[in-house]
Amino acid sequence: MSFLKNNPKIKTIADNAADKLLRLSVAFFSRFNIKTISKLKFIGALFYYLLPLRKQTLADNIKKAGICSTEAETELLIKNIYIAQTLNFFEFLWMGNLQRTKSLRDNFRIHGLHHLRNAISGREGGIIISSHLGNWEMLAVIVGKLGIDLSILIVERDIKIHKTVNEFRSVTSNKPLDRNHAALKCMRLIKNKKFAGIVSDQHTDNSGVKNKFFSLDCMSTSLPAALSIKANAPIYGVFMIRSADCYTHDIYIEAPIYARDFEAGCTKDETITKCTQAITDMIEKYVKMAPEQWFWFHKRWRV
């Protein structure tokens, strides 16, 4: 990485080559159906056996969470994590097909869609929270396909391939939104009856509050709760889990919560903390449903 930083011409050449390869890959994989894509899960197993990147981080995080009782269970879970993330990558290359309603109808089951009726009709704005569970990139595209005006907070990078990734993320009506000055941007969205999409399961130092995830101290973003207080806006939890067949998916939409639900006898800061804990509890519930599909690679517990 430092070599590229010190050689801008080589960095540009590498960026252009990576961008071209990505576009060619998307053009190739978009020709197939998602059932065919699912057969590539064996590549994830190859990574597990031949190139187990950050395996120790996975093992440490799984041990902290206490979701496996034996070493054998831990190893099986780690293997399945590699498989799940490999499928995520190939599904990303395929997901332009979600512009077609048939692909959505045939391969995705949506539970709790009625909770979003006001959002779909444009009668309200608010916050949609999710996590790095299942294929979160594909989930955002599907939410856009449902007709919700959604802007997803991301870390913007000034490289060509990242702009191309954002282009593919926007194949439906969802839009990437640089998270600099996120609170102000999100407030504008909500006031205009649009939605801010926030992935709320990573460690944060800025504007974070301490709470519990798998009974362990962690720092979580307070942005959803703070926005809900300020705009009296609903917070919807939306999560996607890949089925055992590896090509159909279930999407779960939780009933909305409001920060005001946690106000009784509390200060504003206490309300934000309680609401944030409720969001983290929601995320934990779905991670427990399919732990192999959560992104265990990042260091969630740093407190």
C-alpha atoms as a PDB file:
ATOM      1  CA  MET A   1       0.000   0.000   0.000  1.00  0.00           C
ATOM      2  CA  SER A   2       2.799   2.436   0.856  1.00  0.00           C
ATOM      3  CA  PHE A   3       4.417   1.602  -2.491  1.00  0.00           C
ATOM      4  CA  LEU A   4       1.266   2.727  -4.319  1.00  0.00           C
ATOM      5  CA  LYS A   5       0.961   5.875  -2.218  1.00  0.00           C
ATOM      6  CA  ASN A   6       4.490   6.869  -3.142  1.00  0.00           C
ATOM      7  CA  ASN A   7       3.976   6.146  -6.841  1.00  0.00           C
ATOM      8  CA  PRO A   8       0.877   8.018  -8.061  1.00  0.00           C
ATOM      9  CA  LYS A   9       1.299   6.951 -11.688  1.00  0.00           C
ATOM     10  CA  ILE A  10       1.448   3.285 -10.746  1.00  0.00           C
ATOM     11  CA  LYS A  11      -1.490   3.830  -8.388  1.00  0.00           C
ATOM     12  CA  THR A  12      -3.535   5.267 -11.267  1.00  0.00           C
ATOM     13  CA  ILE A  13      -2.610   2.383 -13.559  1.00  0.00           C
ATOM     14  CA  ALA A  14      -3.543  -0.155 -10.860  1.00  0.00           C
ATOM     15  CA  ASP A  15      -6.819   1.651 -10.144  1.00  0.00           C
ATOM     16  CA  ASN A  16      -7.778   1.729 -13.826  1.00  0.00           C
ATOM     17  CA  ALA A  17      -6.900  -1.937 -14.243  1.00  0.00           C
ATOM     18  CA  ALA A  18      -8.910  -2.931 -11.159  1.00  0.00           C
ATOM     19  CA  ASP A  19     -11.855  -0.860 -12.358  1.00  0.00           C
ATOM     20  CA  LYS A  20     -11.800  -2.499 -15.786  1.00  0.00           C
ATOM     21  CA  LEU A  21     -11.564  -5.955 -14.227  1.00  0.00           C
ATOM     22  CA  LEU A  22     -14.527  -5.180 -11.964  1.00  0.00           C
ATOM     23  CA  ARG A  23     -16.665  -4.021 -14.895  1.00  0.00           C
ATOM     24  CA  LEU A  24     -15.761  -7.108 -16.921  1.00  0.00           C
ATOM     25  CA  SER A  25     -16.575  -9.331 -13.937  1.00  0.00           C
ATOM     26  CA  VAL A  26     -19.967  -7.687 -13.465  1.00  0.00           C
ATOM     27  CA  ALA A  27     -20.737  -8.089 -17.174  1.00  0.00           C
ATOM     28  CA  PHE A  28     -19.785 -11.769 -16.978  1.00  0.00           C
ATOM     29  CA  PHE A  29     -21.537 -12.771 -13.758  1.00  0.00           C
ATOM     30  CA  SER A  30     -24.707 -10.842 -14.539  1.00  0.00           C
ATOM     31  CA  ARG A  31     -25.389 -13.374 -17.310  1.00  0.00           C
ATOM     32  CA  PHE A  32     -26.091 -16.124 -14.810  1.00  0.00           C
ATOM     33  CA  ASN A  33     -28.922 -16.713 -12.373  1.00  0.00           C
ATOM     34  CA  ILE A  34     -28.296 -16.535  -8.650  1.00  0.00           C
ATOM     35  CA  LYS A  35     -28.654 -20.301  -8.263  1.00  0.00           C
ATOM     36  CA  THR A  36     -25.658 -20.762 -10.530  1.00  0.00           C
ATOM     37  CA  ILE A  37     -23.724 -18.126  -8.560  1.00  0.00           C
ATOM     38  CA  SER A  38     -24.367 -20.109  -5.358  1.00  0.00           C
ATOM     39  CA  LYS A  39     -22.355 -23.035  -6.718  1.00  0.00           C
ATOM     40  CA  LEU A  40     -19.199 -20.928  -6.303  1.00  0.00           C
ATOM     41  CA  LYS A  41     -19.302 -21.425  -2.549  1.00  0.00           C
ATOM     42  CA  PHE A  42     -16.494 -23.973  -2.932  1.00  0.00           C
ATOM     43  CA  ILE A  43     -14.135 -21.029  -3.509  1.00  0.00           C
ATOM     44  CA  GLY A  44     -14.845 -19.906   0.058  1.00  0.00           C
ATOM     45  CA  ALA A  45     -13.799 -23.349   1.279  1.00  0.00           C
ATOM     46  CA  LEU A  46     -10.580 -23.010  -0.715  1.00  0.00           C
ATOM     47  CA  PHE A  47      -9.853 -19.725   1.063  1.00  0.00           C
ATOM     48  CA  TYR A  48     -10.387 -21.460   4.386  1.00  0.00           C
ATOM     49  CA  TYR A  49      -7.920 -24.222   3.569  1.00  0.00           C
ATOM     50  CA  LEU A  50      -5.356 -22.383   1.435  1.00  0.00           C
ATOM     51  CA  LEU A  51      -5.491 -18.668   2.315  1.00  0.00           C
ATOM     52  CA  PRO A  52      -7.206 -18.185   5.694  1.00  0.00           C
ATOM     53  CA  LEU A  53      -6.887 -14.398   5.923  1.00  0.00           C
ATOM     54  CA  ARG A  54      -7.411 -12.947   9.421  1.00  0.00           C
ATOM     55  CA  LYS A  55      -8.412 -16.348  10.756  1.00  0.00           C
ATOM     56  CA  GLN A  56      -7.049 -15.520  14.208  1.00  0.00           C
ATOM     57  CA  THR A  57      -9.234 -12.395  14.380  1.00  0.00           C
ATOM     58  CA  LEU A  58     -12.253 -14.552  13.574  1.00  0.00           C
ATOM     59  CA  ALA A  59     -11.339 -17.094  16.240  1.00  0.00           C
ATOM     60  CA  ASP A  60     -10.762 -14.390  18.858  1.00  0.00           C
ATOM     61  CA  ASN A  61     -14.079 -12.649  18.144  1.00  0.00           C
ATOM     62  CA  ILE A  62     -16.048 -15.895  18.128  1.00  0.00           C
ATOM     63  CA  LYS A  63     -14.477 -16.878  21.443  1.00  0.00           C
ATOM     64  CA  LYS A  64     -15.368 -13.499  22.958  1.00  0.00           C
ATOM     65  CA  ALA A  65     -18.972 -13.798  21.826  1.00  0.00           C
ATOM     66  CA  GLY A  66     -19.221 -17.285  23.312  1.00  0.00           C
ATOM     67  CA  ILE A  67     -21.338 -18.721  20.533  1.00  0.00           C
ATOM     68  CA  CYS A  68     -19.331 -21.941  20.117  1.00  0.00           C
ATOM     69  CA  SER A  69     -18.750 -24.489  22.855  1.00  0.00           C
ATOM     70  CA  THR A  70     -15.954 -26.527  21.238  1.00  0.00           C
ATOM     71  CA  GLU A  71     -12.948 -25.960  18.994  1.00  0.00           C
ATOM     72  CA  ALA A  72     -14.579 -28.117  16.319  1.00  0.00           C
ATOM     73  CA  GLU A  73     -17.666 -25.877  16.301  1.00  0.00           C
ATOM     74  CA  THR A  74     -15.447 -22.808  16.053  1.00  0.00           C
ATOM     75  CA  GLU A  75     -13.521 -24.223  13.086  1.00  0.00           C
ATOM     76  CA  LEU A  76     -16.734 -25.157  11.267  1.00  0.00           C
ATOM     77  CA  LEU A  77     -18.132 -21.678  11.871  1.00  0.00           C
ATOM     78  CA  ILE A  78     -14.947 -20.048  10.555  1.00  0.00           C
ATOM     79  CA  LYS A  79     -15.101 -22.169   7.410  1.00  0.00           C
ATOM     80  CA  ASN A  80     -18.719 -21.175   6.842  1.00  0.00           C
ATOM     81  CA  ILE A  81     -17.823 -17.502   7.379  1.00  0.00           C
ATOM     82  CA  TYR A  82     -15.334 -17.689   4.495  1.00  0.00           C
ATOM     83  CA  ILE A  83     -17.977 -19.344   2.340  1.00  0.00           C
ATOM     84  CA  ALA A  84     -20.602 -16.697   3.203  1.00  0.00           C
ATOM     85  CA  GLN A  85     -18.286 -13.773   2.430  1.00  0.00           C
ATOM     86  CA  THR A  86     -17.218 -15.374  -0.852  1.00  0.00           C
ATOM     87  CA  LEU A  87     -20.851 -15.693  -1.874  1.00  0.00           C
ATOM     88  CA  ASN A  88     -21.357 -12.042  -0.918  1.00  0.00           C
ATOM     89  CA  PHE A  89     -18.652 -11.055  -3.378  1.00  0.00           C
ATOM     90  CA  PHE A  90     -20.051 -13.040  -6.287  1.00  0.00           C
ATOM     91  CA  GLU A  91     -23.609 -11.907  -5.497  1.00  0.00           C
ATOM     92  CA  PHE A  92     -22.381  -8.310  -5.611  1.00  0.00           C
ATOM     93  CA  LEU A  93     -21.170  -8.925  -9.172  1.00  0.00           C
ATOM     94  CA  TRP A  94     -24.600 -10.398  -9.988  1.00  0.00           C
ATOM     95  CA  MET A  95     -26.872  -7.940  -8.196  1.00  0.00           C
ATOM     96  CA  GLY A  96     -27.566  -5.687 -11.173  1.00  0.00           C
ATOM     97  CA  ASN A  97     -30.170  -8.321 -12.045  1.00  0.00           C
ATOM     98  CA  LEU A  98     -32.233  -7.025  -9.122  1.00  0.00           C
ATOM     99  CA  GLN A  99     -33.499  -4.307 -11.443  1.00  0.00           C
ATOM    100  CA  ARG A 100     -35.763  -7.061 -12.753  1.00  0.00           C
ATOM    101  CA  THR A 101     -38.746  -7.712 -10.535  1.00  0.00           C
ATOM    102  CA  LYS A 102     -38.707 -11.423 -11.400  1.00  0.00           C
ATOM    103  CA  SER A 103     -35.254 -11.888  -9.832  1.00  0.00           C
ATOM    104  CA  LEU A 104     -36.524 -10.278  -6.647  1.00  0.00           C
ATOM    105  CA  ARG A 105     -39.775 -12.239  -6.560  1.00  0.00           C
ATOM    106  CA  ASP A 106     -38.165 -15.621  -7.278  1.00  0.00           C
ATOM    107  CA  ASN A 107     -35.246 -15.460  -4.860  1.00  0.00           C
ATOM    108  CA  PHE A 108     -36.190 -13.230  -1.924  1.00  0.00           C
ATOM    109  CA  ARG A 109     -38.867 -13.683   0.717  1.00  0.00           C
ATOM    110  CA  ILE A 110     -39.832 -10.476   2.518  1.00  0.00           C
ATOM    111  CA  HIS A 111     -41.267 -10.644   6.036  1.00  0.00           C
ATOM    112  CA  GLY A 112     -42.891  -7.597   7.639  1.00  0.00           C
ATOM    113  CA  LEU A 113     -43.173  -5.482   4.490  1.00  0.00           C
ATOM    114  CA  HIS A 114     -46.318  -3.871   5.907  1.00  0.00           C
ATOM    115  CA  HIS A 115     -44.151  -2.076   8.462  1.00  0.00           C
ATOM    116  CA  LEU A 116     -42.692   0.003   5.621  1.00  0.00           C
ATOM    117  CA  ARG A 117     -45.972   1.027   3.998  1.00  0.00           C
ATOM    118  CA  ASN A 118     -45.603   4.684   5.040  1.00  0.00           C
ATOM    119  CA  ALA A 119     -42.012   4.730   3.826  1.00  0.00           C
ATOM    120  CA  ILE A 120     -42.893   3.187   0.467  1.00  0.00           C
ATOM    121  CA  SER A 121     -45.769   5.615  -0.042  1.00  0.00           C
ATOM    122  CA  GLY A 122     -43.507   8.587   0.721  1.00  0.00           C
ATOM    123  CA  ARG A 123     -45.551   9.696   3.735  1.00  0.00           C
ATOM    124  CA  GLU A 124     -42.608   9.661   6.140  1.00  0.00           C
ATOM    125  CA  GLY A 125     -38.854   9.816   6.349  1.00  0.00           C
ATOM    126  CA  GLY A 126     -36.650   8.102   8.877  1.00  0.00           C
ATOM    127  CA  ILE A 127     -33.754   5.780   9.505  1.00  0.00           C
ATOM    128  CA  ILE A 128     -33.161   2.233   8.300  1.00  0.00           C
ATOM    129  CA  ILE A 129     -30.549   0.379  10.309  1.00  0.00           C
ATOM    130  CA  SER A 130     -28.938  -2.894   9.379  1.00  0.00           C
ATOM    131  CA  SER A 131     -25.705  -4.789   9.925  1.00  0.00           C
ATOM    132  CA  HIS A 132     -22.964  -6.608   8.055  1.00  0.00           C
ATOM    133  CA  LEU A 133     -25.110  -9.727   8.009  1.00  0.00           C
ATOM    134  CA  GLY A 134     -26.014 -11.739   4.936  1.00  0.00           C
ATOM    135  CA  ASN A 135     -25.388  -9.713   1.810  1.00  0.00           C
ATOM    136  CA  TRP A 136     -25.882  -6.165   3.064  1.00  0.00           C
ATOM    137  CA  GLU A 137     -24.930  -4.626  -0.292  1.00  0.00           C
ATOM    138  CA  MET A 138     -27.664  -6.576  -2.039  1.00  0.00           C
ATOM    139  CA  LEU A 139     -30.136  -5.722   0.722  1.00  0.00           C
ATOM    140  CA  ALA A 140     -29.671  -1.993   0.090  1.00  0.00           C
ATOM    141  CA  VAL A 141     -30.382  -2.504  -3.603  1.00  0.00           C
ATOM    142  CA  ILE A 142     -33.568  -4.422  -2.760  1.00  0.00           C
ATOM    143  CA  VAL A 143     -34.781  -1.700  -0.389  1.00  0.00           C
ATOM    144  CA  GLY A 144     -34.358   0.746  -3.269  1.00  0.00           C
ATOM    145  CA  LYS A 145     -36.251  -1.613  -5.548  1.00  0.00           C
ATOM    146  CA  LEU A 146     -39.163  -1.536  -3.096  1.00  0.00           C
ATOM    147  CA  GLY A 147     -39.519   2.175  -3.852  1.00  0.00           C
ATOM    148  CA  ILE A 148     -37.938   3.662  -0.740  1.00  0.00           C
ATOM    149  CA  ASP A 149     -35.799   6.754  -1.302  1.00  0.00           C
ATOM    150  CA  LEU A 150     -32.738   5.534   0.592  1.00  0.00           C
ATOM    151  CA  SER A 151     -29.288   7.092   0.984  1.00  0.00           C
ATOM    152  CA  ILE A 152     -26.683   4.818   2.533  1.00  0.00           C
ATOM    153  CA  LEU A 153     -23.866   6.250   4.629  1.00  0.00           C
ATOM    154  CA  ILE A 154     -20.478   5.164   3.304  1.00  0.00           C
ATOM    155  CA  VAL A 155     -16.826   6.158   3.558  1.00  0.00           C
ATOM    156  CA  GLU A 156     -16.149   7.932   0.275  1.00  0.00           C
ATOM    157  CA  ARG A 157     -12.810   7.307  -1.448  1.00  0.00           C
ATOM    158  CA  ASP A 158     -11.455   9.285  -4.375  1.00  0.00           C
ATOM    159  CA  ILE A 159     -10.477   6.348  -6.567  1.00  0.00           C
ATOM    160  CA  LYS A 160     -12.044   5.150  -9.773  1.00  0.00           C
ATOM    161  CA  ILE A 161     -12.937   1.659  -8.636  1.00  0.00           C
ATOM    162  CA  HIS A 162     -14.762   3.010  -5.575  1.00  0.00           C
ATOM    163  CA  LYS A 163     -16.863   5.273  -7.795  1.00  0.00           C
ATOM    164  CA  THR A 164     -17.697   2.244  -9.937  1.00  0.00           C
ATOM    165  CA  VAL A 165     -18.714   0.271  -6.847  1.00  0.00           C
ATOM    166  CA  ASN A 166     -21.045   3.145  -5.919  1.00  0.00           C
ATOM    167  CA  GLU A 167     -22.483   3.023  -9.422  1.00  0.00           C
ATOM    168  CA  PHE A 168     -23.357  -0.651  -8.982  1.00  0.00           C
ATOM    169  CA  ARG A 169     -24.779   0.060  -5.522  1.00  0.00           C
ATOM    170  CA  SER A 170     -27.157   2.516  -7.165  1.00  0.00           C
ATOM    171  CA  VAL A 171     -28.760   0.216  -9.741  1.00  0.00           C
ATOM    172  CA  THR A 172     -32.101   0.897  -8.036  1.00  0.00           C
ATOM    173  CA  SER A 173     -33.168   4.100  -6.289  1.00  0.00           C
ATOM    174  CA  ASN A 174     -30.771   3.837  -3.325  1.00  0.00           C
ATOM    175  CA  LYS A 175     -27.841   6.278  -3.259  1.00  0.00           C
ATOM    176  CA  PRO A 176     -24.456   6.240  -1.480  1.00  0.00           C
ATOM    177  CA  LEU A 177     -23.898   9.212   0.839  1.00  0.00           C
ATOM    178  CA  ASP A 178     -20.491  10.239   2.185  1.00  0.00           C
ATOM    179  CA  ARG A 179     -20.684  10.064   5.960  1.00  0.00           C
ATOM    180  CA  ASN A 180     -18.771  13.308   6.556  1.00  0.00           C
ATOM    181  CA  HIS A 181     -21.203  15.701   8.298  1.00  0.00           C
ATOM    182  CA  ALA A 182     -23.579  12.735   8.437  1.00  0.00           C
ATOM    183  CA  ALA A 183     -25.995  14.159  11.015  1.00  0.00           C
ATOM    184  CA  LEU A 184     -26.764  17.266   8.959  1.00  0.00           C
ATOM    185  CA  LYS A 185     -27.158  15.297   5.734  1.00  0.00           C
ATOM    186  CA  CYS A 186     -29.433  12.743   7.384  1.00  0.00           C
ATOM    187  CA  MET A 187     -31.629  15.437   8.916  1.00  0.00           C
ATOM    188  CA  ARG A 188     -32.169  16.933   5.484  1.00  0.00           C
ATOM    189  CA  LEU A 189     -33.160  13.537   4.128  1.00  0.00           C
ATOM    190  CA  ILE A 190     -35.658  12.903   6.918  1.00  0.00           C
ATOM    191  CA  LYS A 191     -37.233  16.350   6.591  1.00  0.00           C
ATOM    192  CA  ASN A 192     -37.751  15.611   2.883  1.00  0.00           C
ATOM    193  CA  LYS A 193     -39.467  12.304   3.736  1.00  0.00           C
ATOM    194  CA  LYS A 194     -36.481  10.237   2.664  1.00  0.00           C
ATOM    195  CA  PHE A 195     -34.461   7.609   4.505  1.00  0.00           C
ATOM    196  CA  ALA A 196     -30.923   7.383   5.813  1.00  0.00           C
ATOM    197  CA  GLY A 197     -29.425   3.892   5.772  1.00  0.00           C
ATOM    198  CA  ILE A 198     -26.967   3.251   8.598  1.00  0.00           C
ATOM    199  CA  VAL A 199     -25.039   0.041   9.238  1.00  0.00           C
ATOM    200  CA  SER A 200     -24.841   0.052  13.023  1.00  0.00           C
ATOM    201  CA  ASP A 201     -22.735  -2.925  14.026  1.00  0.00           C
ATOM    202  CA  GLN A 202     -19.161  -1.614  13.904  1.00  0.00           C
ATOM    203  CA  HIS A 203     -16.982  -0.001  16.548  1.00  0.00           C
ATOM    204  CA  THR A 204     -17.071   3.780  16.554  1.00  0.00           C
ATOM    205  CA  ASP A 205     -15.059   6.334  18.474  1.00  0.00           C
ATOM    206  CA  ASN A 206     -16.853   9.427  17.219  1.00  0.00           C
ATOM    207  CA  SER A 207     -20.372  10.076  18.501  1.00  0.00           C
ATOM    208  CA  GLY A 208     -20.498   6.641  20.030  1.00  0.00           C
ATOM    209  CA  VAL A 209     -22.083   5.340  23.209  1.00  0.00           C
ATOM    210  CA  LYS A 210     -21.077   2.374  25.319  1.00  0.00           C
ATOM    211  CA  ASN A 211     -23.444  -0.566  25.228  1.00  0.00           C
ATOM    212  CA  LYS A 212     -23.480  -4.366  25.214  1.00  0.00           C
ATOM    213  CA  PHE A 213     -23.142  -6.714  22.250  1.00  0.00           C
ATOM    214  CA  PHE A 214     -23.130 -10.420  23.151  1.00  0.00           C
ATOM    215  CA  SER A 215     -22.935  -9.208  26.779  1.00  0.00           C
ATOM    216  CA  LEU A 216     -19.595  -7.496  26.125  1.00  0.00           C
ATOM    217  CA  ASP A 217     -18.882  -3.767  26.295  1.00  0.00           C
ATOM    218  CA  CYS A 218     -18.618  -2.066  22.922  1.00  0.00           C
ATOM    219  CA  MET A 219     -19.042   1.355  21.349  1.00  0.00           C
ATOM    220  CA  SER A 220     -21.895   1.862  18.900  1.00  0.00           C
ATOM    221  CA  THR A 221     -22.949   4.832  16.820  1.00  0.00           C
ATOM    222  CA  SER A 222     -25.540   7.045  18.497  1.00  0.00           C
ATOM    223  CA  LEU A 223     -26.568   8.614  15.177  1.00  0.00           C
ATOM    224  CA  PRO A 224     -29.843   6.676  14.624  1.00  0.00           C
ATOM    225  CA  ALA A 225     -31.084   7.458  18.146  1.00  0.00           C
ATOM    226  CA  ALA A 226     -29.992  11.091  17.969  1.00  0.00           C
ATOM    227  CA  LEU A 227     -31.741  11.576  14.627  1.00  0.00           C
ATOM    228  CA  SER A 228     -34.882   9.935  15.952  1.00  0.00           C
ATOM    229  CA  ILE A 229     -34.962  12.299  18.927  1.00  0.00           C
ATOM    230  CA  LYS A 230     -34.362  15.423  16.894  1.00  0.00           C
ATOM    231  CA  ALA A 231     -36.778  14.627  14.051  1.00  0.00           C
ATOM    232  CA  ASN A 232     -39.190  12.329  15.928  1.00  0.00           C
ATOM    233  CA  ALA A 233     -38.339   9.864  13.175  1.00  0.00           C
ATOM    234  CA  PRO A 234     -38.931   6.094  13.059  1.00  0.00           C
ATOM    235  CA  ILE A 235     -36.036   3.645  13.110  1.00  0.00           C
ATOM    236  CA  TYR A 236     -36.579   0.473  11.092  1.00  0.00           C
ATOM    237  CA  GLY A 237     -34.404  -2.604  11.448  1.00  0.00           C
ATOM    238  CA  VAL A 238     -34.022  -4.413   8.119  1.00  0.00           C
ATOM    239  CA  PHE A 239     -31.921  -7.576   7.835  1.00  0.00           C
ATOM    240  CA  MET A 240     -31.270 -10.264   5.233  1.00  0.00           C
ATOM    241  CA  ILE A 241     -30.210 -13.872   5.783  1.00  0.00           C
ATOM    242  CA  ARG A 242     -29.171 -16.346   3.105  1.00  0.00           C
ATOM    243  CA  SER A 243     -30.989 -19.687   3.211  1.00  0.00           C
ATOM    244  CA  ALA A 244     -29.344 -23.091   3.455  1.00  0.00           C
ATOM    245  CA  ASP A 245     -29.719 -23.535  -0.314  1.00  0.00           C
ATOM    246  CA  CYS A 246     -27.308 -20.555  -0.691  1.00  0.00           C
ATOM    247  CA  TYR A 247     -29.368 -18.773  -3.358  1.00  0.00           C
ATOM    248  CA  THR A 248     -32.677 -17.778  -1.757  1.00  0.00           C
ATOM    249  CA  HIS A 249     -32.804 -15.159   0.969  1.00  0.00           C
ATOM    250  CA  ASP A 250     -35.133 -13.991   3.722  1.00  0.00           C
ATOM    251  CA  ILE A 251     -35.539 -10.280   4.431  1.00  0.00           C
ATOM    252  CA  TYR A 252     -36.873  -9.314   7.853  1.00  0.00           C
ATOM    253  CA  ILE A 253     -38.368  -5.888   8.531  1.00  0.00           C
ATOM    254  CA  GLU A 254     -38.874  -4.985  12.168  1.00  0.00           C
ATOM    255  CA  ALA A 255     -41.666  -2.737  13.428  1.00  0.00           C
ATOM    256  CA  PRO A 256     -40.366   0.824  13.876  1.00  0.00           C
ATOM    257  CA  ILE A 257     -38.979   2.067  17.152  1.00  0.00           C
ATOM    258  CA  TYR A 258     -38.657   5.689  18.218  1.00  0.00           C
ATOM    259  CA  ALA A 259     -36.147   7.221  20.589  1.00  0.00           C
ATOM    260  CA  ARG A 260     -39.133   8.735  22.432  1.00  0.00           C
ATOM    261  CA  ASP A 261     -40.096   5.186  23.446  1.00  0.00           C
ATOM    262  CA  PHE A 262     -37.138   5.277  25.855  1.00  0.00           C
ATOM    263  CA  GLU A 263     -37.617   8.787  27.286  1.00  0.00           C
ATOM    264  CA  ALA A 264     -39.541   8.025  30.483  1.00  0.00           C
ATOM    265  CA  GLY A 265     -37.570   9.366  33.440  1.00  0.00           C
ATOM    266  CA  CYS A 266     -34.421   9.761  31.343  1.00  0.00           C
ATOM    267  CA  THR A 267     -32.181  12.587  30.246  1.00  0.00           C
ATOM    268  CA  LYS A 268     -31.523  13.037  26.543  1.00  0.00           C
ATOM    269  CA  ASP A 269     -28.188  11.202  26.804  1.00  0.00           C
ATOM    270  CA  GLU A 270     -29.789   8.333  28.704  1.00  0.00           C
ATOM    271  CA  THR A 271     -32.522   8.103  26.082  1.00  0.00           C
ATOM    272  CA  ILE A 272     -29.959   7.906  23.306  1.00  0.00           C
ATOM    273  CA  THR A 273     -28.048   5.198  25.180  1.00  0.00           C
ATOM    274  CA  LYS A 274     -31.169   3.094  25.772  1.00  0.00           C
ATOM    275  CA  CYS A 275     -32.325   3.450  22.176  1.00  0.00           C
ATOM    276  CA  THR A 276     -28.856   2.532  20.901  1.00  0.00           C
ATOM    277  CA  GLN A 277     -28.867  -0.558  23.114  1.00  0.00           C
ATOM    278  CA  ALA A 278     -32.232  -1.567  21.652  1.00  0.00           C
ATOM    279  CA  ILE A 279     -30.745  -1.281  18.159  1.00  0.00           C
ATOM    280  CA  THR A 280     -27.721  -3.355  19.164  1.00  0.00           C
ATOM    281  CA  ASP A 281     -29.997  -5.985  20.729  1.00  0.00           C
ATOM    282  CA  MET A 282     -31.929  -6.162  17.459  1.00  0.00           C
ATOM    283  CA  ILE A 283     -28.708  -6.717  15.520  1.00  0.00           C
ATOM    284  CA  GLU A 284     -27.578  -9.402  17.978  1.00  0.00           C
ATOM    285  CA  LYS A 285     -30.869 -11.252  17.556  1.00  0.00           C
ATOM    286  CA  TYR A 286     -30.318 -11.604  13.828  1.00  0.00           C
ATOM    287  CA  VAL A 287     -26.617 -12.410  14.098  1.00  0.00           C
ATOM    288  CA  LYS A 288     -27.571 -15.315  16.371  1.00  0.00           C
ATOM    289  CA  MET A 289     -29.937 -16.570  13.665  1.00  0.00           C
ATOM    290  CA  ALA A 290     -27.058 -16.953  11.185  1.00  0.00           C
ATOM    291  CA  PRO A 291     -23.696 -16.314  12.881  1.00  0.00           C
ATOM    292  CA  GLU A 292     -21.776 -17.645   9.880  1.00  0.00           C
ATOM    293  CA  GLN A 293     -23.157 -14.767   7.811  1.00  0.00           C
ATOM    294  CA  TRP A 294     -21.993 -11.911  10.031  1.00  0.00           C
ATOM    295  CA  PHE A 295     -18.748 -10.073   9.249  1.00  0.00           C
ATOM    296  CA  TRP A 296     -16.633 -11.238  12.174  1.00  0.00           C
ATOM    297  CA  PHE A 297     -13.438  -9.852  10.635  1.00  0.00           C
ATOM    298  CA  HIS A 298     -13.560  -6.402  12.211  1.00  0.00           C
ATOM    299  CA  LYS A 299     -12.649  -5.726  15.840  1.00  0.00           C
ATOM    300  CA  ARG A 300     -16.049  -5.040  17.361  1.00  0.00           C
ATOM    301  CA  TRP A 301     -15.031  -5.033  21.002  1.00  0.00           C
ATOM    302  CA  ARG A 302     -12.379  -2.392  21.702  1.00  0.00           C
ATOM    303  CA  VAL A 303     -13.616  -0.938  24.995  1.00  0.00           C
END
